[in-house]
Amino acid sequence: MTLKQDLAQELHETHERFLALVNSIPEADYALPTDNPEWTVGDVLYHITLGPQALSFEIWMIIHARGLFQLGMNTFPSRFFNQINARFARRGNRINRQMLIEAYEAGHAGIRSRLRRTREEEMKLWVVYPADLEAILAGECSVERLFHYVKDHFEAHQGQLKR
């Protein structure tokens, strides 16, 4: 298999795992707390749906506007990004199974499209991620690594739902 085929398979498997997770949790449980003290089960599920879409954009930025993206990462304090991220993920009682599935489907389609349009040589392009933004991505982070991060992001937040 080629790198892009491996990544496509990983994205597909993560997509299937997300759908299985959403379908395994009753909507009545969406208001329950998680291991993340700031978010409910529904908040975490919704946040997971944001990952593929955000990563598609970050990959596009690295490929097409790398310097601007790096400048933004160096000047925009991570704590502000994390505060915005936390507020955006909180959807309260507006979260339902169908909304989560539709949101993930849209993000999944976007990241798959980004993968199809990414050339092999672009997989090695990188930027430096600040450690306080996302510890898993800290340091030199390549386009390839961001495609893998769709799975890692899902798994990290899935772990917050284990009780």
C-alpha atoms as a PDB file:
ATOM      1  CA  MET A   1       0.000   0.000   0.000  1.00  0.00           C
ATOM      2  CA  THR A   2       1.068   3.578  -0.575  1.00  0.00           C
ATOM      3  CA  LEU A   3       1.173   6.190   2.150  1.00  0.00           C
ATOM      4  CA  LYS A   4      -2.026   7.787   0.859  1.00  0.00           C
ATOM      5  CA  GLN A   5      -3.786   4.414   0.777  1.00  0.00           C
ATOM      6  CA  ASP A   6      -2.674   3.726   4.360  1.00  0.00           C
ATOM      7  CA  LEU A   7      -3.934   7.140   5.466  1.00  0.00           C
ATOM      8  CA  ALA A   8      -7.237   6.657   3.628  1.00  0.00           C
ATOM      9  CA  GLN A   9      -7.708   3.322   5.418  1.00  0.00           C
ATOM     10  CA  GLU A  10      -6.892   4.884   8.786  1.00  0.00           C
ATOM     11  CA  LEU A  11      -9.381   7.716   8.152  1.00  0.00           C
ATOM     12  CA  HIS A  12     -12.045   5.185   7.136  1.00  0.00           C
ATOM     13  CA  GLU A  13     -11.470   3.079  10.257  1.00  0.00           C
ATOM     14  CA  THR A  14     -11.623   6.154  12.498  1.00  0.00           C
ATOM     15  CA  HIS A  15     -14.858   7.208  10.788  1.00  0.00           C
ATOM     16  CA  GLU A  16     -16.375   3.784  11.475  1.00  0.00           C
ATOM     17  CA  ARG A  17     -15.190   3.860  15.093  1.00  0.00           C
ATOM     18  CA  PHE A  18     -16.763   7.295  15.608  1.00  0.00           C
ATOM     19  CA  LEU A  19     -20.093   6.112  14.196  1.00  0.00           C
ATOM     20  CA  ALA A  20     -20.011   3.030  16.427  1.00  0.00           C
ATOM     21  CA  LEU A  21     -19.226   5.202  19.455  1.00  0.00           C
ATOM     22  CA  VAL A  22     -22.050   7.659  18.765  1.00  0.00           C
ATOM     23  CA  ASN A  23     -24.503   4.831  18.174  1.00  0.00           C
ATOM     24  CA  SER A  24     -23.453   3.141  21.441  1.00  0.00           C
ATOM     25  CA  ILE A  25     -24.252   6.131  23.668  1.00  0.00           C
ATOM     26  CA  PRO A  26     -27.894   6.939  24.424  1.00  0.00           C
ATOM     27  CA  GLU A  27     -28.780  10.593  23.829  1.00  0.00           C
ATOM     28  CA  ALA A  28     -29.986  10.756  27.430  1.00  0.00           C
ATOM     29  CA  ASP A  29     -26.317  10.329  28.464  1.00  0.00           C
ATOM     30  CA  TYR A  30     -25.104  13.378  26.514  1.00  0.00           C
ATOM     31  CA  ALA A  31     -25.545  15.612  29.570  1.00  0.00           C
ATOM     32  CA  LEU A  32     -23.394  13.390  31.815  1.00  0.00           C
ATOM     33  CA  PRO A  33     -19.921  14.494  32.927  1.00  0.00           C
ATOM     34  CA  THR A  34     -16.716  13.093  31.420  1.00  0.00           C
ATOM     35  CA  ASP A  35     -13.110  12.788  32.521  1.00  0.00           C
ATOM     36  CA  ASN A  36     -12.716  16.306  31.078  1.00  0.00           C
ATOM     37  CA  PRO A  37     -14.250  18.439  33.851  1.00  0.00           C
ATOM     38  CA  GLU A  38     -15.219  21.202  31.417  1.00  0.00           C
ATOM     39  CA  TRP A  39     -17.250  19.048  29.004  1.00  0.00           C
ATOM     40  CA  THR A  40     -20.235  16.737  29.020  1.00  0.00           C
ATOM     41  CA  VAL A  41     -20.440  13.556  26.949  1.00  0.00           C
ATOM     42  CA  GLY A  42     -22.243  15.518  24.234  1.00  0.00           C
ATOM     43  CA  ASP A  43     -19.597  18.250  24.269  1.00  0.00           C
ATOM     44  CA  VAL A  44     -16.796  15.703  23.812  1.00  0.00           C
ATOM     45  CA  LEU A  45     -18.651  13.948  20.997  1.00  0.00           C
ATOM     46  CA  TYR A  46     -19.256  17.248  19.248  1.00  0.00           C
ATOM     47  CA  HIS A  47     -15.628  18.288  19.717  1.00  0.00           C
ATOM     48  CA  ILE A  48     -14.521  15.046  18.032  1.00  0.00           C
ATOM     49  CA  THR A  49     -16.580  16.016  14.979  1.00  0.00           C
ATOM     50  CA  LEU A  50     -14.582  19.256  14.668  1.00  0.00           C
ATOM     51  CA  GLY A  51     -11.233  17.474  14.342  1.00  0.00           C
ATOM     52  CA  PRO A  52     -11.276  16.354  10.692  1.00  0.00           C
ATOM     53  CA  GLN A  53     -12.526  19.725   9.442  1.00  0.00           C
ATOM     54  CA  ALA A  54      -9.987  21.713  11.473  1.00  0.00           C
ATOM     55  CA  LEU A  55      -7.153  19.419  10.407  1.00  0.00           C
ATOM     56  CA  SER A  56      -8.144  19.769   6.744  1.00  0.00           C
ATOM     57  CA  PHE A  57      -7.781  23.509   7.108  1.00  0.00           C
ATOM     58  CA  GLU A  58      -4.459  23.242   8.939  1.00  0.00           C
ATOM     59  CA  ILE A  59      -3.096  20.930   6.234  1.00  0.00           C
ATOM     60  CA  TRP A  60      -4.238  23.366   3.554  1.00  0.00           C
ATOM     61  CA  MET A  61      -2.501  26.187   5.409  1.00  0.00           C
ATOM     62  CA  ILE A  62       0.775  24.254   5.680  1.00  0.00           C
ATOM     63  CA  ILE A  63       0.717  23.483   1.966  1.00  0.00           C
ATOM     64  CA  HIS A  64      -0.446  26.871   0.667  1.00  0.00           C
ATOM     65  CA  ALA A  65       0.359  29.448   3.363  1.00  0.00           C
ATOM     66  CA  ARG A  66       2.975  27.829   5.565  1.00  0.00           C
ATOM     67  CA  GLY A  67       4.686  31.059   6.651  1.00  0.00           C
ATOM     68  CA  LEU A  68       1.419  32.747   7.555  1.00  0.00           C
ATOM     69  CA  PHE A  69       0.255  29.676   9.467  1.00  0.00           C
ATOM     70  CA  GLN A  70       3.544  29.477  11.378  1.00  0.00           C
ATOM     71  CA  LEU A  71       3.384  33.188  12.162  1.00  0.00           C
ATOM     72  CA  GLY A  72      -0.119  32.730  13.547  1.00  0.00           C
ATOM     73  CA  MET A  73       1.000  29.797  15.666  1.00  0.00           C
ATOM     74  CA  ASN A  74       3.862  31.868  17.063  1.00  0.00           C
ATOM     75  CA  THR A  75       1.841  35.015  17.804  1.00  0.00           C
ATOM     76  CA  PHE A  76      -1.622  33.782  18.767  1.00  0.00           C
ATOM     77  CA  PRO A  77      -1.385  32.554  22.375  1.00  0.00           C
ATOM     78  CA  SER A  78      -2.439  28.944  22.730  1.00  0.00           C
ATOM     79  CA  ARG A  79      -4.541  29.688  25.782  1.00  0.00           C
ATOM     80  CA  PHE A  80      -6.840  31.900  23.678  1.00  0.00           C
ATOM     81  CA  PHE A  81      -7.189  29.173  21.061  1.00  0.00           C
ATOM     82  CA  ASN A  82      -7.994  26.628  23.757  1.00  0.00           C
ATOM     83  CA  GLN A  83     -10.594  28.934  25.345  1.00  0.00           C
ATOM     84  CA  ILE A  84     -12.302  29.473  21.987  1.00  0.00           C
ATOM     85  CA  ASN A  85     -12.130  25.761  21.250  1.00  0.00           C
ATOM     86  CA  ALA A  86     -13.712  24.921  24.615  1.00  0.00           C
ATOM     87  CA  ARG A  87     -16.531  27.425  24.183  1.00  0.00           C
ATOM     88  CA  PHE A  88     -17.250  26.338  20.618  1.00  0.00           C
ATOM     89  CA  ALA A  89     -17.498  22.682  21.604  1.00  0.00           C
ATOM     90  CA  ARG A  90     -20.108  23.336  24.264  1.00  0.00           C
ATOM     91  CA  ARG A  91     -23.454  22.813  22.594  1.00  0.00           C
ATOM     92  CA  GLY A  92     -25.543  21.835  25.593  1.00  0.00           C
ATOM     93  CA  ASN A  93     -28.906  20.301  24.813  1.00  0.00           C
ATOM     94  CA  ARG A  94     -28.647  21.184  21.112  1.00  0.00           C
ATOM     95  CA  ILE A  95     -26.595  18.037  20.528  1.00  0.00           C
ATOM     96  CA  ASN A  96     -28.310  14.964  19.167  1.00  0.00           C
ATOM     97  CA  ARG A  97     -27.137  11.797  17.439  1.00  0.00           C
ATOM     98  CA  GLN A  98     -28.163  12.886  13.941  1.00  0.00           C
ATOM     99  CA  MET A  99     -26.404  16.240  14.294  1.00  0.00           C
ATOM    100  CA  LEU A 100     -23.206  14.508  15.449  1.00  0.00           C
ATOM    101  CA  ILE A 101     -23.278  12.047  12.564  1.00  0.00           C
ATOM    102  CA  GLU A 102     -23.901  14.785  10.001  1.00  0.00           C
ATOM    103  CA  ALA A 103     -21.119  16.947  11.440  1.00  0.00           C
ATOM    104  CA  TYR A 104     -18.631  14.083  11.393  1.00  0.00           C
ATOM    105  CA  GLU A 105     -19.663  13.038   7.892  1.00  0.00           C
ATOM    106  CA  ALA A 106     -18.970  16.558   6.612  1.00  0.00           C
ATOM    107  CA  GLY A 107     -15.561  16.677   8.302  1.00  0.00           C
ATOM    108  CA  HIS A 108     -14.703  13.175   7.103  1.00  0.00           C
ATOM    109  CA  ALA A 109     -15.578  14.067   3.524  1.00  0.00           C
ATOM    110  CA  GLY A 110     -13.392  17.169   3.800  1.00  0.00           C
ATOM    111  CA  ILE A 111     -10.328  15.362   5.161  1.00  0.00           C
ATOM    112  CA  ARG A 112     -10.674  12.615   2.548  1.00  0.00           C
ATOM    113  CA  SER A 113     -10.869  15.256  -0.165  1.00  0.00           C
ATOM    114  CA  ARG A 114      -7.808  16.996   1.268  1.00  0.00           C
ATOM    115  CA  LEU A 115      -5.952  13.647   1.238  1.00  0.00           C
ATOM    116  CA  ARG A 116      -6.835  13.031  -2.415  1.00  0.00           C
ATOM    117  CA  ARG A 117      -5.549  16.497  -3.362  1.00  0.00           C
ATOM    118  CA  THR A 118      -2.340  16.269  -1.340  1.00  0.00           C
ATOM    119  CA  ARG A 119       0.740  15.277  -3.321  1.00  0.00           C
ATOM    120  CA  GLU A 120       3.241  12.814  -1.875  1.00  0.00           C
ATOM    121  CA  GLU A 121       5.951  15.490  -1.633  1.00  0.00           C
ATOM    122  CA  GLU A 122       3.601  17.739   0.375  1.00  0.00           C
ATOM    123  CA  MET A 123       3.301  15.074   3.090  1.00  0.00           C
ATOM    124  CA  LYS A 124       6.741  16.068   4.396  1.00  0.00           C
ATOM    125  CA  LEU A 125       5.996  19.817   4.713  1.00  0.00           C
ATOM    126  CA  TRP A 126       5.892  20.873   8.355  1.00  0.00           C
ATOM    127  CA  VAL A 127       5.420  23.669  10.862  1.00  0.00           C
ATOM    128  CA  VAL A 128       6.349  23.902  14.523  1.00  0.00           C
ATOM    129  CA  TYR A 129       3.399  23.414  16.867  1.00  0.00           C
ATOM    130  CA  PRO A 130       3.725  24.987  20.317  1.00  0.00           C
ATOM    131  CA  ALA A 131       3.681  22.404  23.123  1.00  0.00           C
ATOM    132  CA  ASP A 132       0.960  24.299  24.979  1.00  0.00           C
ATOM    133  CA  LEU A 133      -1.364  24.132  21.964  1.00  0.00           C
ATOM    134  CA  GLU A 134      -1.345  20.370  21.586  1.00  0.00           C
ATOM    135  CA  ALA A 135       1.319  18.301  23.337  1.00  0.00           C
ATOM    136  CA  ILE A 136       0.938  15.345  20.959  1.00  0.00           C
ATOM    137  CA  LEU A 137       1.782  17.579  17.971  1.00  0.00           C
ATOM    138  CA  ALA A 138       4.468  19.670  19.698  1.00  0.00           C
ATOM    139  CA  GLY A 139       7.573  20.437  17.683  1.00  0.00           C
ATOM    140  CA  GLU A 140       7.980  19.812  13.972  1.00  0.00           C
ATOM    141  CA  CYS A 141       4.647  18.512  12.723  1.00  0.00           C
ATOM    142  CA  SER A 142       4.274  17.354   9.132  1.00  0.00           C
ATOM    143  CA  VAL A 143       1.232  17.187   6.896  1.00  0.00           C
ATOM    144  CA  GLU A 144       1.443  13.395   7.169  1.00  0.00           C
ATOM    145  CA  ARG A 145       1.369  13.652  10.966  1.00  0.00           C
ATOM    146  CA  LEU A 146      -1.777  15.790  10.832  1.00  0.00           C
ATOM    147  CA  PHE A 147      -3.561  13.163   8.736  1.00  0.00           C
ATOM    148  CA  HIS A 148      -2.642  10.591  11.413  1.00  0.00           C
ATOM    149  CA  TYR A 149      -3.824  12.984  14.096  1.00  0.00           C
ATOM    150  CA  VAL A 150      -7.459  12.485  13.031  1.00  0.00           C
ATOM    151  CA  LYS A 151      -7.208   9.040  14.647  1.00  0.00           C
ATOM    152  CA  ASP A 152      -5.155  10.260  17.614  1.00  0.00           C
ATOM    153  CA  HIS A 153      -7.614  13.103  18.309  1.00  0.00           C
ATOM    154  CA  PHE A 154     -10.534  10.672  18.239  1.00  0.00           C
ATOM    155  CA  GLU A 155      -8.779   8.224  20.555  1.00  0.00           C
ATOM    156  CA  ALA A 156      -7.730  10.910  23.043  1.00  0.00           C
ATOM    157  CA  HIS A 157     -11.279  12.179  23.410  1.00  0.00           C
ATOM    158  CA  GLN A 158     -12.844   8.733  23.277  1.00  0.00           C
ATOM    159  CA  GLY A 159     -10.729   7.985  26.335  1.00  0.00           C
ATOM    160  CA  GLN A 160     -12.406  10.860  28.196  1.00  0.00           C
ATOM    161  CA  LEU A 161     -15.727   9.040  27.812  1.00  0.00           C
ATOM    162  CA  LYS A 162     -14.573   5.884  29.578  1.00  0.00           C
ATOM    163  CA  ARG A 163     -16.093   5.666  33.036  1.00  0.00           C
END
